[in-house]
């Protein structure tokens, strides 16, 4: 396929995917068949995963925020039938870390919202950092308690932020509105974290960026992934594009440049050529 589709068209397709356009919309705009678009997206997405794995090493991040964002493959967990989970269907969670200073995403992991995935995620992050002691903030997910301990031991100042939402009467015209936030509790788990830096604001904003730039995570649509491998590739493409290609508005450079991982802005062509 790489020999059939010209490079400029590959760049156009990947740019559109990375900016949140659907496969069907790209097909209509470019005339390229949806199967070709999907195969190209998966190939470049896997290259994006490899780029993240190779480049995100020896990082000096010292203030880390973590969160997990929900999606699903094929059908939601409540609708699964016997044997569906073996096919990779059902709910899927993407664990994400972000450096509060540079907005760089050092790592991510797609899996279930459980101790196994959380532990692999934190251990992988710990292996990428070279900043000595770090401060970590997460939400109230219980799996983080053991996962942070296993990944960082005594080398982390760790705090959780627990948000409590009120119950409201659901009206037809407001059934998709978010619940009202009633209380925020900051709880120190280990070490001596700086109270001013106990926050998950940046990583929660990254969740919004993911939903805006990944059509597969757009709510209340039929754009969800049908295969787990395709979902993972889409996530890999997003974070490679976010870290290396997309200029952050407030930083006026890419997060990877702010984190001293690279000294220049990458192009979509760089991502495409990395997949050759």
Protein backbone atom coordinates (compact mmCIF):
# COMPACT_ATOMS: atom_id res chain seq x y z
CA UNK A 1 0.00 0.00 0.00
CA UNK A 2 2.88 2.36 0.78
CA UNK A 3 4.02 2.00 -2.84
CA UNK A 4 0.54 2.76 -4.20
CA UNK A 5 -0.55 5.75 -2.12
CA UNK A 6 1.63 8.83 -2.80
CA UNK A 7 3.47 10.34 0.15
CA UNK A 8 1.52 13.61 0.01
CA UNK A 9 -1.76 11.70 0.28
CA UNK A 10 -0.44 9.68 3.20
CA UNK A 11 0.49 12.92 4.96
CA UNK A 12 -2.96 14.37 4.25
CA UNK A 13 -4.68 11.28 5.67
CA UNK A 14 -2.55 11.10 8.83
CA UNK A 15 -2.92 14.85 9.44
CA UNK A 16 -6.69 14.51 9.25
CA UNK A 17 -6.76 11.48 11.55
CA UNK A 18 -4.51 13.21 14.09
CA UNK A 19 -6.78 16.26 14.11
CA UNK A 20 -9.87 14.22 14.88
CA UNK A 21 -11.56 13.63 11.54
CA UNK A 22 -13.43 10.38 11.00
CA UNK A 23 -12.35 7.77 8.50
CA UNK A 24 -15.56 8.21 6.51
CA UNK A 25 -15.07 11.99 6.35
CA UNK A 26 -11.51 11.58 5.11
CA UNK A 27 -12.73 9.11 2.51
CA UNK A 28 -15.25 11.64 1.22
CA UNK A 29 -12.69 14.44 1.13
CA UNK A 30 -9.82 12.55 -0.46
CA UNK A 31 -11.44 9.76 -2.45
CA UNK A 32 -9.19 7.25 -0.68
CA UNK A 33 -10.98 4.05 0.34
CA UNK A 34 -11.72 3.67 4.04
CA UNK A 35 -9.84 0.36 4.24
CA UNK A 36 -6.70 2.05 2.90
CA UNK A 37 -7.12 4.89 5.40
CA UNK A 38 -7.55 2.43 8.25
CA UNK A 39 -4.51 0.35 7.29
CA UNK A 40 -2.36 3.47 6.95
CA UNK A 41 -3.60 4.79 10.31
CA UNK A 42 -2.76 1.53 12.05
CA UNK A 43 0.70 1.37 10.48
CA UNK A 44 1.62 4.95 11.39
CA UNK A 45 -0.03 4.56 14.80
CA UNK A 46 2.22 1.60 15.59
CA UNK A 47 5.18 3.69 14.47
CA UNK A 48 3.95 6.38 16.87
CA UNK A 49 4.00 3.85 19.70
CA UNK A 50 7.55 2.92 18.78
CA UNK A 51 8.61 6.58 18.63
CA UNK A 52 7.15 7.19 22.09
CA UNK A 53 8.91 4.15 23.48
CA UNK A 54 12.28 5.07 21.99
CA UNK A 55 12.25 8.84 22.59
CA UNK A 56 10.70 9.05 26.05
CA UNK A 57 13.78 7.99 27.99
CA UNK A 58 15.95 9.63 30.67
CA UNK A 59 13.30 12.28 31.28
CA UNK A 60 13.70 15.00 33.91
CA UNK A 61 10.01 15.32 34.78
CA UNK A 62 9.53 16.03 38.48
CA UNK A 63 5.80 16.80 38.82
CA UNK A 64 3.60 14.10 37.31
CA UNK A 65 -0.18 13.89 37.03
CA UNK A 66 -1.92 10.62 36.16
CA UNK A 67 -5.42 9.75 35.04
CA UNK A 68 -7.32 7.19 33.01
CA UNK A 69 -9.88 7.77 30.28
CA UNK A 70 -12.69 5.41 29.32
CA UNK A 71 -13.54 4.04 25.91
CA UNK A 72 -14.88 0.79 24.51
CA UNK A 73 -14.21 -1.67 21.73
CA UNK A 74 -17.17 -2.92 19.71
CA UNK A 75 -19.69 -2.68 22.53
CA UNK A 76 -19.90 -1.46 26.10
CA UNK A 77 -19.12 -3.81 28.97
CA UNK A 78 -22.76 -4.16 30.03
CA UNK A 79 -23.71 -5.45 26.57
CA UNK A 80 -21.07 -8.19 26.33
CA UNK A 81 -22.03 -11.77 25.56
CA UNK A 82 -20.06 -14.89 26.53
CA UNK A 83 -16.82 -15.00 24.57
CA UNK A 84 -16.80 -11.30 23.66
CA UNK A 85 -14.02 -10.40 26.09
CA UNK A 86 -11.71 -12.99 24.51
CA UNK A 87 -12.16 -11.06 21.27
CA UNK A 88 -11.01 -7.85 22.97
CA UNK A 89 -14.48 -6.31 23.13
CA UNK A 90 -15.87 -4.23 25.97
CA UNK A 91 -14.64 -1.34 28.08
CA UNK A 92 -11.05 -0.21 27.67
CA UNK A 93 -9.11 2.39 29.65
CA UNK A 94 -6.14 4.48 28.59
CA UNK A 95 -3.82 5.37 31.48
CA UNK A 96 -2.02 8.66 30.84
CA UNK A 97 0.75 10.55 32.61
CA UNK A 98 1.62 14.19 31.98
CA UNK A 99 4.45 16.42 33.14
CA UNK A 100 2.89 19.53 34.70
CA UNK A 101 5.81 21.78 33.71
CA UNK A 102 6.12 20.88 30.01
CA UNK A 103 2.67 19.31 29.29
CA UNK A 104 4.60 16.39 27.83
CA UNK A 105 3.07 12.91 28.01
CA UNK A 106 5.91 10.56 29.04
CA UNK A 107 3.90 7.35 28.67
CA UNK A 108 0.48 5.78 28.31
CA UNK A 109 -0.99 2.30 28.48
CA UNK A 110 -4.21 0.82 27.13
CA UNK A 111 -5.87 -1.88 29.22
CA UNK A 112 -8.40 -2.52 31.93
CA UNK A 113 -8.94 -0.27 34.93
CA UNK A 114 -7.29 -2.66 37.36
CA UNK A 115 -4.18 -3.19 39.46
CA UNK A 116 -2.37 -5.14 36.74
CA UNK A 117 -2.62 -2.35 34.16
CA UNK A 118 -1.99 0.41 36.72
CA UNK A 119 1.16 -1.37 37.96
CA UNK A 120 2.56 -1.91 34.45
CA UNK A 121 1.81 1.72 33.69
CA UNK A 122 3.59 3.15 36.75
CA UNK A 123 6.55 0.80 36.49
CA UNK A 124 7.01 1.79 32.86
CA UNK A 125 6.85 5.48 33.80
CA UNK A 126 9.39 5.03 36.61
CA UNK A 127 11.83 3.39 34.18
CA UNK A 128 11.67 6.47 31.93
CA UNK A 129 12.39 9.14 34.55
CA UNK A 130 15.79 10.40 35.60
CA UNK A 131 14.76 13.21 37.93
CA UNK A 132 15.35 11.64 41.32
CA UNK A 133 12.41 12.21 43.61
CA UNK A 134 9.11 13.06 41.88
CA UNK A 135 5.72 14.35 43.00
CA UNK A 136 2.72 12.42 41.71
CA UNK A 137 -0.97 13.31 41.76
CA UNK A 138 -3.78 10.92 40.80
CA UNK A 139 -7.50 10.54 41.24
CA UNK A 140 -8.94 8.23 43.89
CA UNK A 141 -8.55 4.95 41.99
CA UNK A 142 -7.56 2.38 44.62
CA UNK A 143 -5.24 0.52 42.24
CA UNK A 144 -2.84 3.47 42.26
CA UNK A 145 -2.00 2.90 45.93
CA UNK A 146 -0.13 -0.35 45.28
CA UNK A 147 0.92 0.60 41.75
CA UNK A 148 2.78 3.76 42.82
CA UNK A 149 4.47 1.86 45.63
CA UNK A 150 5.62 -0.87 43.26
CA UNK A 151 6.77 1.52 40.59
CA UNK A 152 8.47 4.23 42.65
CA UNK A 153 8.95 2.78 46.13
CA UNK A 154 9.99 5.55 48.52
CA UNK A 155 11.13 7.87 45.70
CA UNK A 156 7.80 9.63 45.23
CA UNK A 157 5.76 12.23 47.07
CA UNK A 158 2.28 11.00 46.31
CA UNK A 159 -1.16 12.52 46.85
CA UNK A 160 -4.67 11.69 45.63
CA UNK A 161 -7.45 14.08 44.67
CA UNK A 162 -10.92 12.72 45.32
CA UNK A 163 -13.83 14.56 43.72
CA UNK A 164 -17.35 14.07 45.03
CA UNK A 165 -20.30 14.80 42.79
CA UNK A 166 -23.84 15.52 43.87
CA UNK A 167 -26.94 13.70 42.67
CA UNK A 168 -29.30 15.73 40.57
CA UNK A 169 -32.68 15.14 39.03
CA UNK A 170 -32.16 14.13 35.42
CA UNK A 171 -34.30 16.10 33.01
CA UNK A 172 -34.67 15.10 29.39
CA UNK A 173 -32.99 18.25 28.11
CA UNK A 174 -30.09 17.87 30.58
CA UNK A 175 -29.49 14.13 30.54
CA UNK A 176 -25.98 14.55 29.08
CA UNK A 177 -24.89 17.35 31.40
CA UNK A 178 -22.07 16.58 33.84
CA UNK A 179 -23.00 16.15 37.52
CA UNK A 180 -22.43 19.01 39.95
CA UNK A 181 -19.09 18.94 41.76
CA UNK A 182 -19.72 19.30 45.50
CA UNK A 183 -16.38 18.60 47.16
CA UNK A 184 -12.66 18.12 46.41
CA UNK A 185 -10.47 16.30 48.93
CA UNK A 186 -6.68 16.21 48.71
CA UNK A 187 -5.15 13.27 50.55
CA UNK A 188 -1.40 12.78 51.09
CA UNK A 189 -0.53 9.10 50.60
CA UNK A 190 3.25 9.09 50.98
CA UNK A 191 6.18 11.48 51.32
CA UNK A 192 5.78 15.24 51.55
CA UNK A 193 4.12 16.53 48.37
CA UNK A 194 3.91 20.27 47.81
CA UNK A 195 0.24 21.18 48.47
CA UNK A 196 0.33 23.76 45.67
CA UNK A 197 1.25 21.06 43.15
CA UNK A 198 -1.38 18.50 44.16
CA UNK A 199 -3.54 18.67 41.07
CA UNK A 200 -4.89 16.65 38.14
CA UNK A 201 -5.97 19.66 36.08
CA UNK A 202 -3.45 19.22 33.27
CA UNK A 203 -4.05 15.51 32.79
CA UNK A 204 -7.82 16.05 32.82
CA UNK A 205 -7.34 18.69 30.13
CA UNK A 206 -5.32 16.12 28.22
CA UNK A 207 -8.33 13.81 28.41
CA UNK A 208 -10.35 16.49 26.63
CA UNK A 209 -7.61 16.85 24.02
CA UNK A 210 -7.77 13.09 23.42
CA UNK A 211 -11.52 13.16 22.92
CA UNK A 212 -11.24 16.12 20.54
CA UNK A 213 -8.36 14.66 18.50
CA UNK A 214 -9.33 10.97 18.52
CA UNK A 215 -12.61 10.29 16.75
CA UNK A 216 -12.78 6.88 18.43
CA UNK A 217 -13.21 8.56 21.81
CA UNK A 218 -15.93 10.99 20.76
CA UNK A 219 -18.97 10.30 22.91
CA UNK A 220 -22.46 9.44 21.64
CA UNK A 221 -21.39 8.54 18.10
CA UNK A 222 -20.79 5.38 16.07
CA UNK A 223 -17.10 6.25 15.66
CA UNK A 224 -15.90 3.83 18.37
CA UNK A 225 -13.21 1.25 17.54
CA UNK A 226 -14.24 -2.21 16.44
CA UNK A 227 -10.82 -3.76 17.06
CA UNK A 228 -8.48 -3.34 20.03
CA UNK A 229 -5.37 -3.18 17.82
CA UNK A 230 -6.88 -0.29 15.87
CA UNK A 231 -7.69 1.54 19.10
CA UNK A 232 -4.14 1.11 20.41
CA UNK A 233 -2.72 2.36 17.13
CA UNK A 234 -4.98 5.42 17.24
CA UNK A 235 -3.76 6.22 20.76
CA UNK A 236 -0.14 5.78 19.67
CA UNK A 237 -0.67 8.15 16.74
CA UNK A 238 -2.34 10.73 18.97
CA UNK A 239 0.45 10.91 21.54
CA UNK A 240 3.26 10.92 18.97
CA UNK A 241 1.47 13.77 17.18
CA UNK A 242 0.70 15.59 20.44
CA UNK A 243 4.25 15.36 21.82
CA UNK A 244 6.31 15.93 18.68
CA UNK A 245 4.20 17.62 15.97
CA UNK A 246 1.47 19.75 17.51
CA UNK A 247 2.65 23.10 18.86
CA UNK A 248 1.18 23.73 22.29
CA UNK A 249 -0.54 27.11 22.33
CA UNK A 250 0.70 28.27 25.74
CA UNK A 251 4.20 26.81 25.37
CA UNK A 252 4.64 28.01 21.76
CA UNK A 253 6.58 24.83 21.07
CA UNK A 254 5.86 21.14 21.16
CA UNK A 255 5.79 19.40 24.56
CA UNK A 256 8.73 17.23 23.47
CA UNK A 257 10.78 20.39 22.83
CA UNK A 258 9.77 21.80 26.22
CA UNK A 259 10.90 18.53 27.80
CA UNK A 260 14.27 18.59 25.98
CA UNK A 261 13.48 15.36 24.17
CA UNK A 262 13.98 16.99 20.76
CA UNK A 263 15.28 20.34 19.51
CA UNK A 264 12.85 20.87 16.63
CA UNK A 265 9.23 20.56 15.59
CA UNK A 266 8.54 17.26 13.88
CA UNK A 267 6.26 17.03 10.86
CA UNK A 268 3.55 14.57 9.94
CA UNK A 269 5.89 13.45 7.18
CA UNK A 270 8.38 12.38 9.87
CA UNK A 271 5.70 10.14 11.40
CA UNK A 272 4.74 8.69 8.03
CA UNK A 273 8.34 8.00 7.07
CA UNK A 274 8.98 6.36 10.46
CA UNK A 275 6.35 3.79 9.49
CA UNK A 276 7.99 2.86 6.18
